Amino acid sequence: MTQNDALAAFLGPEIFERLEWSRLSASQREAILSVFRVGLGAGAQSGSVSTIDAVMARGRVLICEDGSQWQARERDDAELIEDWGEGALVAIHRQLVYRLDPYQAAEVELLRL
């Protein structure tokens, strides 16, 4: 999943299109992502921000410091999550986990044990 795909999934295709992301400079994109981070940090739109407490099973299981447990949906997502490792700052919204710095995203499902 690319940065564009992840942001489009979060914002919805209509709002993402209106941003004209491909025409924005790097500093404009970073400013928009900063607003996104602050909004999630404030709990906007039911998103949550947390630090990764543990990554297990080759990235397939992600445990956040808030106690939530997530399972990567695809192998590529698991590989990405494994690369992030413990301590990475992430936001979770609509079954996507976003690494905030550098910005990346993976699809996840809530894991119920």
N, C-alpha and C. Protein backbone atom coordinates (compact mmCIF):
# COMPACT_ATOMS: atom_id res chain seq x y z
N MET A 1 0.85 -1.17 0.00
CA MET A 1 0.00 0.00 0.00
C MET A 1 0.90 1.24 0.00
N THR A 2 0.65 2.14 -0.93
CA THR A 2 1.46 3.35 -1.01
C THR A 2 0.94 4.42 -0.06
N GLN A 3 1.74 5.46 0.12
CA GLN A 3 1.32 6.59 0.95
C GLN A 3 0.04 7.19 0.40
N ASN A 4 -0.04 7.32 -0.91
CA ASN A 4 -1.26 7.87 -1.53
C ASN A 4 -2.46 6.99 -1.24
N ASP A 5 -2.31 5.68 -1.36
CA ASP A 5 -3.41 4.75 -1.10
C ASP A 5 -3.88 4.85 0.34
N ALA A 6 -2.93 4.91 1.26
CA ALA A 6 -3.27 4.96 2.68
C ALA A 6 -4.00 6.25 3.03
N LEU A 7 -3.49 7.37 2.54
CA LEU A 7 -4.14 8.64 2.85
C LEU A 7 -5.51 8.72 2.18
N ALA A 8 -5.63 8.21 0.97
CA ALA A 8 -6.93 8.19 0.27
C ALA A 8 -7.92 7.33 1.03
N ALA A 9 -7.47 6.20 1.56
CA ALA A 9 -8.36 5.34 2.33
C ALA A 9 -8.82 6.03 3.60
N PHE A 10 -7.92 6.77 4.23
CA PHE A 10 -8.28 7.46 5.47
C PHE A 10 -9.24 8.62 5.21
N LEU A 11 -8.92 9.45 4.24
CA LEU A 11 -9.71 10.65 3.97
C LEU A 11 -10.95 10.38 3.13
N GLY A 12 -10.89 9.32 2.34
CA GLY A 12 -11.93 9.06 1.36
C GLY A 12 -11.49 9.63 0.02
N PRO A 13 -11.87 8.98 -1.07
CA PRO A 13 -11.35 9.38 -2.39
C PRO A 13 -11.74 10.80 -2.81
N GLU A 14 -12.91 11.25 -2.41
CA GLU A 14 -13.35 12.59 -2.83
C GLU A 14 -12.47 13.69 -2.23
N ILE A 15 -12.22 13.61 -0.93
CA ILE A 15 -11.38 14.63 -0.28
C ILE A 15 -9.95 14.51 -0.79
N PHE A 16 -9.46 13.29 -0.93
CA PHE A 16 -8.09 13.09 -1.41
C PHE A 16 -7.91 13.70 -2.80
N GLU A 17 -8.89 13.51 -3.67
CA GLU A 17 -8.83 14.08 -5.02
C GLU A 17 -8.77 15.60 -4.97
N ARG A 18 -9.56 16.18 -4.08
CA ARG A 18 -9.59 17.64 -3.96
C ARG A 18 -8.26 18.20 -3.49
N LEU A 19 -7.47 17.42 -2.79
CA LEU A 19 -6.15 17.87 -2.34
C LEU A 19 -5.16 18.04 -3.49
N GLU A 20 -5.40 17.30 -4.60
CA GLU A 20 -4.46 17.28 -5.73
C GLU A 20 -3.04 16.96 -5.23
N TRP A 21 -2.96 15.85 -4.49
CA TRP A 21 -1.73 15.43 -3.80
C TRP A 21 -0.51 15.45 -4.71
N SER A 22 -0.64 14.98 -5.92
CA SER A 22 0.52 14.89 -6.82
C SER A 22 1.06 16.26 -7.20
N ARG A 23 0.27 17.30 -7.08
CA ARG A 23 0.72 18.64 -7.42
C ARG A 23 1.34 19.39 -6.24
N LEU A 24 1.24 18.84 -5.06
CA LEU A 24 1.74 19.51 -3.87
C LEU A 24 3.26 19.34 -3.73
N SER A 25 3.88 20.33 -3.17
CA SER A 25 5.33 20.24 -2.89
C SER A 25 5.53 19.34 -1.67
N ALA A 26 6.76 18.95 -1.44
CA ALA A 26 7.07 18.10 -0.28
C ALA A 26 6.70 18.81 1.02
N SER A 27 6.94 20.10 1.12
CA SER A 27 6.61 20.82 2.36
C SER A 27 5.09 20.93 2.54
N GLN A 28 4.34 21.06 1.46
CA GLN A 28 2.88 21.10 1.57
C GLN A 28 2.34 19.75 2.01
N ARG A 29 2.90 18.68 1.46
CA ARG A 29 2.48 17.33 1.86
C ARG A 29 2.77 17.10 3.34
N GLU A 30 3.96 17.52 3.78
CA GLU A 30 4.33 17.33 5.18
C GLU A 30 3.40 18.13 6.09
N ALA A 31 3.00 19.31 5.67
CA ALA A 31 2.07 20.12 6.47
C ALA A 31 0.73 19.41 6.62
N ILE A 32 0.24 18.82 5.55
CA ILE A 32 -1.03 18.09 5.60
C ILE A 32 -0.89 16.87 6.50
N LEU A 33 0.20 16.14 6.37
CA LEU A 33 0.42 14.97 7.22
C LEU A 33 0.54 15.36 8.68
N SER A 34 1.11 16.54 8.96
CA SER A 34 1.20 17.02 10.34
C SER A 34 -0.18 17.26 10.93
N VAL A 35 -1.06 17.83 10.15
CA VAL A 35 -2.44 18.05 10.60
C VAL A 35 -3.11 16.70 10.85
N PHE A 36 -2.87 15.76 9.97
CA PHE A 36 -3.40 14.40 10.11
C PHE A 36 -2.93 13.78 11.43
N ARG A 37 -1.64 13.91 11.73
CA ARG A 37 -1.09 13.35 12.97
C ARG A 37 -1.70 13.99 14.20
N VAL A 38 -1.82 15.30 14.18
CA VAL A 38 -2.41 16.01 15.32
C VAL A 38 -3.86 15.60 15.51
N GLY A 39 -4.60 15.50 14.43
CA GLY A 39 -6.01 15.10 14.51
C GLY A 39 -6.17 13.72 15.09
N LEU A 40 -5.35 12.79 14.66
CA LEU A 40 -5.44 11.44 15.22
C LEU A 40 -5.01 11.43 16.67
N GLY A 41 -4.01 12.24 16.99
CA GLY A 41 -3.55 12.32 18.37
C GLY A 41 -4.64 12.83 19.30
N ALA A 42 -5.52 13.66 18.78
CA ALA A 42 -6.62 14.21 19.57
C ALA A 42 -7.83 13.28 19.55
N GLY A 43 -7.71 12.15 18.90
CA GLY A 43 -8.80 11.19 18.85
C GLY A 43 -9.83 11.50 17.77
N ALA A 44 -9.45 12.28 16.79
CA ALA A 44 -10.39 12.65 15.73
C ALA A 44 -10.84 11.42 14.96
N GLN A 45 -12.11 11.38 14.64
CA GLN A 45 -12.71 10.34 13.81
C GLN A 45 -12.42 8.94 14.35
N SER A 46 -12.40 8.78 15.63
CA SER A 46 -12.23 7.51 16.32
C SER A 46 -10.88 6.84 16.07
N GLY A 47 -9.92 7.57 15.54
CA GLY A 47 -8.58 7.02 15.38
C GLY A 47 -7.87 7.01 16.72
N SER A 48 -6.87 6.18 16.84
CA SER A 48 -6.07 6.17 18.07
C SER A 48 -4.60 6.16 17.70
N VAL A 49 -3.81 6.80 18.52
CA VAL A 49 -2.37 6.85 18.32
C VAL A 49 -1.72 6.10 19.47
N SER A 50 -0.75 5.27 19.14
CA SER A 50 -0.09 4.46 20.16
C SER A 50 1.33 4.16 19.71
N THR A 51 2.11 3.65 20.62
CA THR A 51 3.46 3.17 20.31
C THR A 51 3.40 1.65 20.25
N ILE A 52 4.15 1.08 19.32
CA ILE A 52 4.20 -0.39 19.23
C ILE A 52 4.96 -0.92 20.43
N ASP A 53 4.30 -1.79 21.17
CA ASP A 53 4.91 -2.43 22.34
C ASP A 53 5.66 -3.70 21.94
N ALA A 54 5.10 -4.45 20.99
CA ALA A 54 5.74 -5.69 20.54
C ALA A 54 5.26 -6.06 19.14
N VAL A 55 6.16 -6.65 18.38
CA VAL A 55 5.84 -7.21 17.07
C VAL A 55 6.21 -8.69 17.14
N MET A 56 5.24 -9.55 16.83
CA MET A 56 5.46 -10.99 16.96
C MET A 56 5.09 -11.71 15.67
N ALA A 57 5.48 -12.97 15.61
CA ALA A 57 5.13 -13.87 14.50
C ALA A 57 5.50 -13.26 13.15
N ARG A 58 6.74 -12.77 13.07
CA ARG A 58 7.26 -12.20 11.83
C ARG A 58 6.39 -11.05 11.31
N GLY A 59 5.91 -10.24 12.22
CA GLY A 59 5.13 -9.07 11.85
C GLY A 59 3.64 -9.28 11.72
N ARG A 60 3.19 -10.52 11.86
CA ARG A 60 1.76 -10.80 11.70
C ARG A 60 0.94 -10.32 12.89
N VAL A 61 1.57 -10.17 14.05
CA VAL A 61 0.87 -9.72 15.26
C VAL A 61 1.54 -8.45 15.77
N LEU A 62 0.72 -7.46 16.03
CA LEU A 62 1.17 -6.16 16.50
C LEU A 62 0.46 -5.86 17.81
N ILE A 63 1.22 -5.59 18.86
CA ILE A 63 0.64 -5.25 20.16
C ILE A 63 1.06 -3.82 20.48
N CYS A 64 0.06 -2.98 20.76
CA CYS A 64 0.32 -1.57 21.04
C CYS A 64 0.37 -1.33 22.54
N GLU A 65 0.98 -0.21 22.92
CA GLU A 65 1.11 0.11 24.34
C GLU A 65 -0.24 0.32 25.01
N ASP A 66 -1.29 0.63 24.24
CA ASP A 66 -2.63 0.80 24.81
C ASP A 66 -3.32 -0.55 25.07
N GLY A 67 -2.61 -1.66 24.75
CA GLY A 67 -3.14 -2.99 24.98
C GLY A 67 -3.87 -3.60 23.80
N SER A 68 -4.12 -2.81 22.77
CA SER A 68 -4.81 -3.36 21.60
C SER A 68 -3.88 -4.30 20.84
N GLN A 69 -4.47 -5.33 20.24
CA GLN A 69 -3.72 -6.35 19.51
C GLN A 69 -4.29 -6.44 18.11
N TRP A 70 -3.40 -6.45 17.13
CA TRP A 70 -3.80 -6.41 15.72
C TRP A 70 -3.10 -7.50 14.94
N GLN A 71 -3.75 -7.95 13.89
CA GLN A 71 -3.18 -8.97 13.01
C GLN A 71 -3.09 -8.40 11.61
N ALA A 72 -1.91 -8.52 11.00
CA ALA A 72 -1.72 -8.07 9.62
C ALA A 72 -2.59 -8.91 8.69
N ARG A 73 -3.19 -8.28 7.70
CA ARG A 73 -4.09 -9.00 6.80
C ARG A 73 -3.35 -9.76 5.71
N GLU A 74 -2.22 -9.22 5.26
CA GLU A 74 -1.47 -9.83 4.16
C GLU A 74 -0.01 -9.98 4.56
N ARG A 75 0.69 -10.84 3.84
CA ARG A 75 2.12 -11.07 4.12
C ARG A 75 2.93 -9.78 3.95
N ASP A 76 2.65 -9.01 2.89
CA ASP A 76 3.38 -7.76 2.67
C ASP A 76 3.18 -6.79 3.83
N ASP A 77 1.95 -6.76 4.37
CA ASP A 77 1.67 -5.90 5.52
C ASP A 77 2.48 -6.35 6.73
N ALA A 78 2.56 -7.66 6.94
CA ALA A 78 3.33 -8.21 8.06
C ALA A 78 4.81 -7.85 7.94
N GLU A 79 5.35 -7.93 6.74
CA GLU A 79 6.76 -7.59 6.53
C GLU A 79 7.00 -6.11 6.85
N LEU A 80 6.07 -5.26 6.46
CA LEU A 80 6.19 -3.83 6.74
C LEU A 80 6.15 -3.57 8.24
N ILE A 81 5.20 -4.19 8.92
CA ILE A 81 5.06 -4.02 10.37
C ILE A 81 6.31 -4.54 11.09
N GLU A 82 6.84 -5.66 10.63
CA GLU A 82 8.05 -6.21 11.25
C GLU A 82 9.22 -5.23 11.12
N ASP A 83 9.32 -4.57 9.98
CA ASP A 83 10.38 -3.57 9.79
C ASP A 83 10.22 -2.38 10.73
N TRP A 84 8.98 -2.00 11.05
CA TRP A 84 8.75 -0.86 11.95
C TRP A 84 9.30 -1.16 13.34
N GLY A 85 8.99 -2.35 13.85
CA GLY A 85 9.50 -2.79 15.14
C GLY A 85 8.92 -2.05 16.35
N GLU A 86 9.40 -2.47 17.50
CA GLU A 86 8.96 -1.89 18.78
C GLU A 86 9.34 -0.41 18.85
N GLY A 87 8.47 0.36 19.47
CA GLY A 87 8.75 1.77 19.70
C GLY A 87 8.27 2.71 18.61
N ALA A 88 7.85 2.15 17.46
CA ALA A 88 7.37 3.02 16.38
C ALA A 88 6.03 3.64 16.77
N LEU A 89 5.82 4.90 16.40
CA LEU A 89 4.57 5.59 16.65
C LEU A 89 3.61 5.27 15.51
N VAL A 90 2.41 4.78 15.85
CA VAL A 90 1.43 4.41 14.84
C VAL A 90 0.05 4.99 15.19
N ALA A 91 -0.76 5.14 14.16
CA ALA A 91 -2.16 5.51 14.33
C ALA A 91 -2.99 4.41 13.70
N ILE A 92 -4.10 4.06 14.32
CA ILE A 92 -4.95 2.99 13.81
C ILE A 92 -6.33 3.57 13.56
N HIS A 93 -6.80 3.37 12.34
CA HIS A 93 -8.10 3.91 11.95
C HIS A 93 -8.64 3.09 10.79
N ARG A 94 -9.91 2.67 10.89
CA ARG A 94 -10.59 1.95 9.80
C ARG A 94 -9.78 0.77 9.27
N GLN A 95 -9.28 -0.05 10.15
CA GLN A 95 -8.53 -1.27 9.82
C GLN A 95 -7.25 -0.99 9.02
N LEU A 96 -6.68 0.19 9.25
CA LEU A 96 -5.37 0.50 8.71
C LEU A 96 -4.51 0.97 9.87
N VAL A 97 -3.26 0.54 9.88
CA VAL A 97 -2.31 1.04 10.86
C VAL A 97 -1.33 1.90 10.07
N TYR A 98 -1.15 3.12 10.53
CA TYR A 98 -0.29 4.10 9.86
C TYR A 98 0.94 4.34 10.72
N ARG A 99 2.10 4.17 10.16
CA ARG A 99 3.32 4.61 10.84
C ARG A 99 3.45 6.08 10.51
N LEU A 100 3.65 6.90 11.51
CA LEU A 100 3.60 8.33 11.30
C LEU A 100 4.91 8.95 10.86
N ASP A 101 6.03 8.30 11.16
CA ASP A 101 7.29 8.91 10.76
C ASP A 101 8.33 7.83 10.51
N PRO A 102 8.70 7.51 9.30
CA PRO A 102 8.15 8.03 8.05
C PRO A 102 6.77 7.43 7.81
N TYR A 103 5.98 8.11 7.03
CA TYR A 103 4.59 7.75 6.81
C TYR A 103 4.48 6.50 5.94
N GLN A 104 3.85 5.44 6.49
CA GLN A 104 3.57 4.20 5.77
C GLN A 104 2.28 3.63 6.35
N ALA A 105 1.66 2.69 5.65
CA ALA A 105 0.42 2.09 6.16
C ALA A 105 0.33 0.62 5.79
N ALA A 106 -0.39 -0.13 6.65
CA ALA A 106 -0.64 -1.55 6.42
C ALA A 106 -2.07 -1.88 6.87
N GLU A 107 -2.65 -2.88 6.24
CA GLU A 107 -4.00 -3.30 6.62
C GLU A 107 -3.92 -4.28 7.78
N VAL A 108 -4.81 -4.09 8.77
CA VAL A 108 -4.84 -4.94 9.95
C VAL A 108 -6.27 -5.26 10.34
N GLU A 109 -6.41 -6.28 11.17
CA GLU A 109 -7.68 -6.65 11.78
C GLU A 109 -7.47 -6.74 13.28
N LEU A 110 -8.48 -6.37 14.05
CA LEU A 110 -8.40 -6.51 15.50
C LEU A 110 -8.23 -7.97 15.84
N LEU A 111 -7.27 -8.27 16.68
CA LEU A 111 -7.00 -9.65 17.08
C LEU A 111 -7.66 -9.92 18.42
N ARG A 112 -8.50 -10.91 18.47
CA ARG A 112 -9.19 -11.28 19.71
C ARG A 112 -8.67 -12.63 20.16
N LEU A 113 -8.06 -12.64 21.32
CA LEU A 113 -7.51 -13.90 21.85
C LEU A 113 -8.44 -14.51 22.88
